[in-house]
Protein backbone atom coordinates (compact mmCIF):
# COMPACT_ATOMS: atom_id res chain seq x y z
CA UNK A 1 0.00 0.00 0.00
CA UNK A 2 1.25 3.46 -0.86
CA UNK A 3 2.11 5.42 2.30
CA UNK A 4 -0.04 8.42 3.14
CA UNK A 5 1.74 11.68 3.86
CA UNK A 6 0.10 14.73 5.34
CA UNK A 7 1.14 18.33 5.86
CA UNK A 8 -0.97 21.38 6.49
CA UNK A 9 -1.98 24.21 4.22
CA UNK A 10 -4.46 27.03 4.48
CA UNK A 11 -7.95 26.20 3.31
CA UNK A 12 -9.58 28.07 0.44
CA UNK A 13 -11.29 30.50 2.82
CA UNK A 14 -7.93 31.11 4.50
CA UNK A 15 -9.25 29.88 7.84
CA UNK A 16 -6.58 28.80 10.27
CA UNK A 17 -9.04 26.92 12.47
CA UNK A 18 -9.50 23.99 10.07
CA UNK A 19 -6.42 23.65 7.84
CA UNK A 20 -6.76 21.17 5.00
CA UNK A 21 -4.11 18.42 4.74
CA UNK A 22 -1.80 18.00 1.80
CA UNK A 23 -1.84 14.46 0.45
CA UNK A 24 0.99 12.88 -1.52
CA UNK A 25 0.56 9.14 -2.17
CA UNK A 26 4.23 9.02 -3.20
CA UNK A 27 5.70 10.70 -0.14
CA UNK A 28 8.60 8.65 1.17
CA UNK A 29 9.46 7.49 -2.37
CA UNK A 30 12.10 10.07 -3.37
CA UNK A 31 13.71 7.63 -5.81
CA UNK A 32 10.82 7.97 -8.28
CA UNK A 33 8.43 10.75 -7.21
CA UNK A 34 8.15 14.39 -6.24
CA UNK A 35 8.19 15.00 -2.50
CA UNK A 36 6.26 17.66 -0.60
CA UNK A 37 9.46 19.39 0.47
CA UNK A 38 10.69 20.18 -3.06
CA UNK A 39 9.55 22.47 -5.84
CA UNK A 40 8.61 21.21 -9.29
CA UNK A 41 11.81 22.70 -10.68
CA UNK A 42 13.88 20.83 -8.08
CA UNK A 43 11.96 17.61 -8.79
CA UNK A 44 12.34 17.71 -12.58
CA UNK A 45 16.03 18.56 -12.22
CA UNK A 46 16.56 15.70 -9.74
CA UNK A 47 14.67 13.12 -11.81
CA UNK A 48 14.92 14.09 -15.50
CA UNK A 49 13.08 11.48 -17.58
CA UNK A 50 15.66 11.42 -20.37
CA UNK A 51 18.58 10.40 -18.17
CA UNK A 52 17.03 8.79 -15.06
CA UNK A 53 17.53 5.04 -15.36
CA UNK A 54 14.89 2.38 -14.86
CA UNK A 55 17.17 0.32 -12.62
CA UNK A 56 17.38 3.29 -10.26
CA UNK A 57 13.82 4.63 -10.28
CA UNK A 58 11.61 1.79 -11.53
CA UNK A 59 9.12 1.80 -14.42
CA UNK A 60 7.74 5.33 -13.84
CA UNK A 61 8.52 8.77 -12.44
CA UNK A 62 5.48 10.24 -10.63
CA UNK A 63 4.03 13.54 -9.51
CA UNK A 64 0.79 14.02 -7.56
CA UNK A 65 -1.54 16.95 -6.98
CA UNK A 66 -1.05 17.41 -3.25
CA UNK A 67 -4.29 19.39 -2.99
CA UNK A 68 -6.45 16.55 -4.30
CA UNK A 69 -8.62 14.51 -1.97
CA UNK A 70 -7.44 11.03 -1.08
CA UNK A 71 -9.17 8.62 -3.48
CA UNK A 72 -11.33 5.76 -2.32
CA UNK A 73 -9.76 2.33 -2.57
CA UNK A 74 -11.19 0.31 -5.48
CA UNK A 75 -12.19 -3.34 -5.12
CA UNK A 76 -9.42 -4.33 -7.48
CA UNK A 77 -9.44 -8.11 -7.02
CA UNK A 78 -13.20 -8.23 -7.54
CA UNK A 79 -12.91 -6.17 -10.72
CA UNK A 80 -10.06 -8.20 -12.23
CA UNK A 81 -11.77 -11.51 -11.43
CA UNK A 82 -15.07 -10.32 -12.88
CA UNK A 83 -13.44 -8.65 -15.87
CA UNK A 84 -11.46 -11.75 -16.79
CA UNK A 85 -14.65 -13.81 -16.52
CA UNK A 86 -16.41 -11.40 -18.89
CA UNK A 87 -13.57 -11.63 -21.41
CA UNK A 88 -13.54 -15.42 -21.22
CA UNK A 89 -17.31 -15.57 -21.64
CA UNK A 90 -17.09 -13.31 -24.68
CA UNK A 91 -14.43 -15.49 -26.30
CA UNK A 92 -16.51 -18.63 -25.69
CA UNK A 93 -19.54 -16.91 -27.17
CA UNK A 94 -17.50 -15.82 -30.20
CA UNK A 95 -16.18 -19.32 -30.80
CA UNK A 96 -19.72 -20.72 -30.76
CA UNK A 97 -20.87 -18.10 -33.25
CA UNK A 98 -17.93 -18.80 -35.54
CA UNK A 99 -18.64 -22.52 -35.39
CA UNK A 100 -22.20 -21.89 -36.59
CA UNK A 101 -21.21 -19.23 -39.15
CA UNK A 102 -21.75 -21.50 -42.18
CA UNK A 103 -25.42 -21.69 -41.20
CA UNK A 104 -25.80 -18.05 -40.23
CA UNK A 105 -23.80 -16.51 -43.02
CA UNK A 106 -20.82 -14.15 -42.73
CA UNK A 107 -22.91 -10.97 -42.55
CA UNK A 108 -25.13 -12.25 -39.71
CA UNK A 109 -22.12 -13.58 -37.79
CA UNK A 110 -20.26 -10.27 -38.10
CA UNK A 111 -23.34 -8.35 -36.93
CA UNK A 112 -23.85 -10.59 -33.90
CA UNK A 113 -20.18 -10.35 -32.96
CA UNK A 114 -20.35 -6.56 -33.19
CA UNK A 115 -23.39 -6.47 -30.90
CA UNK A 116 -21.75 -8.85 -28.43
CA UNK A 117 -18.56 -6.80 -28.45
CA UNK A 118 -20.59 -3.68 -27.66
CA UNK A 119 -22.09 -5.57 -24.72
CA UNK A 120 -18.61 -6.57 -23.57
CA UNK A 121 -17.43 -2.95 -23.58
CA UNK A 122 -20.51 -1.79 -21.68
CA UNK A 123 -20.34 -4.58 -19.12
CA UNK A 124 -16.64 -3.97 -18.37
CA UNK A 125 -17.40 -0.28 -17.84
CA UNK A 126 -20.37 -1.12 -15.59
CA UNK A 127 -18.24 -3.53 -13.55
CA UNK A 128 -15.54 -0.86 -13.24
CA UNK A 129 -18.09 1.60 -11.83
CA UNK A 130 -19.52 -1.01 -9.45
CA UNK A 131 -16.07 -1.82 -8.05
CA UNK A 132 -14.66 1.72 -8.05
CA UNK A 133 -12.04 1.12 -10.75
CA UNK A 134 -12.89 4.38 -12.47
CA UNK A 135 -9.55 6.09 -13.08
CA UNK A 136 -8.43 6.97 -16.59
CA UNK A 137 -5.72 8.91 -18.40
CA UNK A 138 -4.88 11.07 -21.37
CA UNK A 139 -1.78 9.74 -23.11
CA UNK A 140 0.60 12.28 -24.62
CA UNK A 141 3.24 11.13 -27.14
CA UNK A 142 6.11 13.66 -27.21
CA UNK A 143 9.32 13.08 -29.06
CA UNK A 144 12.40 12.37 -26.97
CA UNK A 145 13.69 15.79 -27.93
CA UNK A 146 10.53 17.48 -26.62
CA UNK A 147 10.04 15.22 -23.58
CA UNK A 148 11.74 17.48 -20.97
CA UNK A 149 9.56 20.45 -21.93
CA UNK A 150 6.33 18.44 -22.04
CA UNK A 151 7.02 16.73 -18.71
CA UNK A 152 7.89 20.04 -17.04
CA UNK A 153 4.64 21.65 -18.22
CA UNK A 154 2.61 18.64 -17.10
CA UNK A 155 4.36 18.51 -13.73
CA UNK A 156 3.73 22.21 -13.13
CA UNK A 157 0.06 21.91 -14.07
CA UNK A 158 -0.47 18.84 -11.85
CA UNK A 159 1.23 20.52 -8.89
CA UNK A 160 -0.94 23.62 -9.36
CA UNK A 161 -4.13 21.55 -9.43
CA UNK A 162 -4.97 22.37 -13.07
CA UNK A 163 -5.00 18.78 -14.32
CA UNK A 164 -5.93 15.55 -12.52
CA UNK A 165 -4.70 13.73 -9.40
CA UNK A 166 -1.30 12.69 -10.79
CA UNK A 167 0.89 12.11 -13.83
CA UNK A 168 3.81 9.87 -14.74
CA UNK A 169 6.57 9.47 -17.31
CA UNK A 170 8.84 6.49 -18.05
CA UNK A 171 12.59 6.81 -17.41
CA UNK A 172 15.40 5.75 -19.73
CA UNK A 173 15.31 1.99 -20.30
CA UNK A 174 11.62 1.55 -19.44
CA UNK A 175 9.59 -0.93 -21.48
CA UNK A 176 6.86 1.73 -21.64
CA UNK A 177 8.90 3.84 -24.02
CA UNK A 178 8.20 3.45 -27.71
CA UNK A 179 10.75 1.77 -29.95
CA UNK A 180 10.49 4.80 -32.20
CA UNK A 181 11.66 8.33 -31.42
CA UNK A 182 8.92 9.11 -28.92
CA UNK A 183 8.02 8.58 -25.29
CA UNK A 184 4.73 8.82 -23.38
CA UNK A 185 3.42 11.09 -20.63
CA UNK A 186 0.37 9.83 -18.74
CA UNK A 187 -2.04 12.44 -17.29
CA UNK A 188 -4.66 10.90 -15.00
CA UNK A 189 -8.23 11.90 -14.26
CA UNK A 190 -10.28 10.72 -11.30
CA UNK A 191 -13.22 9.15 -13.09
CA UNK A 192 -13.69 8.14 -16.73
CA UNK A 193 -17.47 8.47 -16.39
CA UNK A 194 -17.13 12.14 -15.41
CA UNK A 195 -16.96 13.44 -18.96
CA UNK A 196 -17.06 17.04 -17.79
CA UNK A 197 -13.83 16.59 -15.83
CA UNK A 198 -12.22 14.48 -18.56
CA UNK A 199 -12.89 17.26 -21.05
CA UNK A 200 -11.71 19.92 -18.58
CA UNK A 201 -8.33 18.19 -18.27
CA UNK A 202 -8.10 17.85 -22.04
CA UNK A 203 -8.89 21.54 -22.50
CA UNK A 204 -6.15 22.44 -20.04
CA UNK A 205 -3.70 20.32 -22.05
CA UNK A 206 -4.83 22.16 -25.19
CA UNK A 207 -4.41 25.54 -23.47
CA UNK A 208 -0.82 24.81 -22.47
CA UNK A 209 -0.02 23.51 -25.96
CA UNK A 210 0.25 19.79 -25.21
CA UNK A 211 -2.87 18.50 -26.99
CA UNK A 212 -4.14 19.44 -30.45
CA UNK A 213 -6.83 22.01 -31.06
CA UNK A 214 -10.05 20.55 -32.45
CA UNK A 215 -9.47 19.31 -35.98
CA UNK A 216 -5.70 19.91 -35.98
CA UNK A 217 -2.73 17.64 -35.37
CA UNK A 218 -2.56 14.03 -34.27
CA UNK A 219 -5.32 13.01 -31.85
CA UNK A 220 -4.59 12.33 -28.19
CA UNK A 221 -6.11 9.19 -26.70
CA UNK A 222 -7.85 8.52 -23.38
CA UNK A 223 -7.78 5.03 -21.85
CA UNK A 224 -9.47 3.67 -18.74
CA UNK A 225 -7.49 2.02 -15.96
CA UNK A 226 -10.01 -0.82 -16.21
CA UNK A 227 -8.69 -1.76 -19.65
CA UNK A 228 -5.10 -1.41 -18.46
CA UNK A 229 -5.65 -3.79 -15.54
CA UNK A 230 -7.27 -6.33 -17.89
CA UNK A 231 -4.36 -6.08 -20.34
CA UNK A 232 -6.49 -4.68 -23.18
CA UNK A 233 -4.05 -2.87 -25.47
CA UNK A 234 -4.37 -1.54 -29.00
CA UNK A 235 -3.92 -5.04 -30.40
CA UNK A 236 -6.16 -7.40 -28.45
CA UNK A 237 -7.94 -10.70 -29.08
CA UNK A 238 -11.36 -9.17 -28.45
CA UNK A 239 -11.17 -6.52 -31.19
CA UNK A 240 -12.03 -3.85 -28.63
CA UNK A 241 -10.87 -0.31 -29.20
CA UNK A 242 -8.33 0.28 -26.46
CA UNK A 243 -9.14 3.97 -26.02
CA UNK A 244 -12.45 5.20 -24.61
CA UNK A 245 -12.17 8.70 -26.10
CA UNK A 246 -10.00 10.58 -28.53
CA UNK A 247 -9.31 14.30 -28.19
CA UNK A 248 -11.17 14.91 -31.44
CA UNK A 249 -14.27 13.09 -30.19
CA UNK A 250 -14.16 14.65 -26.74
CA UNK A 251 -13.89 18.23 -28.00
CA UNK A 252 -17.07 17.71 -30.03
CA UNK A 253 -19.01 16.18 -27.15
CA UNK A 254 -21.44 17.82 -24.78
CA UNK A 255 -20.17 16.13 -21.61
CA UNK A 256 -22.29 14.77 -18.81
CA UNK A 257 -22.32 16.90 -15.68
CA UNK A 258 -20.66 14.46 -13.35
CA UNK A 259 -19.57 10.89 -12.60
CA UNK A 260 -21.88 7.90 -12.66
CA UNK A 261 -22.62 6.26 -9.33
CA UNK A 262 -22.68 2.50 -8.74
CA UNK A 263 -25.54 0.55 -7.27
CA UNK A 264 -28.44 2.08 -9.20
CA UNK A 265 -30.99 -0.45 -10.37
CA UNK A 266 -30.84 -4.22 -10.29
CA UNK A 267 -27.37 -5.72 -10.32
CA UNK A 268 -26.74 -7.79 -13.41
CA UNK A 269 -25.52 -11.37 -13.37
CA UNK A 270 -22.64 -12.52 -15.55
CA UNK A 271 -24.98 -14.44 -17.87
CA UNK A 272 -27.07 -11.30 -18.47
CA UNK A 273 -24.19 -9.32 -19.97
CA UNK A 274 -24.42 -10.72 -23.50
CA UNK A 275 -27.10 -10.85 -26.15
CA UNK A 276 -28.03 -14.33 -27.32
CA UNK A 277 -30.15 -13.39 -30.32
């Protein structure tokens, strides 16, 4: 479990009677994360992503928004167990459809698989909400040459509370770096169902020049933590799109006002997640 660190700061109304605590889930991990005692400039100088080595810092370098509320703990084991069962059930269903495809015809089989895949996506998202696995992230793809600038801007914005709860970047030697001339910077949001906040973070990235304006440049992608924990990448056996949103799609959306809440309505059983006709 990540240690919890607290310090005090003045609340928004500047009252000294009820100071709000600072929260850094990475406090006590100076080898790979910003500490409360240092500035962003000191942190990025101490742990530059281009030259910090994986064997020294691990897979990622982290920074957290110390003003964010401590997140609730998700029921991770329950989600992974249920999610893997959903994926297995989908694959079994697909195999049965493919076995009967000569009778159904290619067009009917393709249509049924598409409908079942839509159900799979929806059911994974519903399970994620039910179990509290609702985090997500915008994924920036800067070149190695531009990585120091991009990471500094992201780190500053996270520390100032203008983005989400935290961000991370891979060090030199990490398997998370691309084999081409680019790296990745991950900018988290609290809840993928809170489209208003997801779009707010994207707009902030646009404003500081790190994501494309609507209709210009290469799209930025948003992926849920749920898919990450289930190992669903861009090339997967289920033919699911790995990203939930693209920047182009999100900028055109009228977002929902807030996050979805679990527990509304009758809880679905595993067998009820897929269409059979």
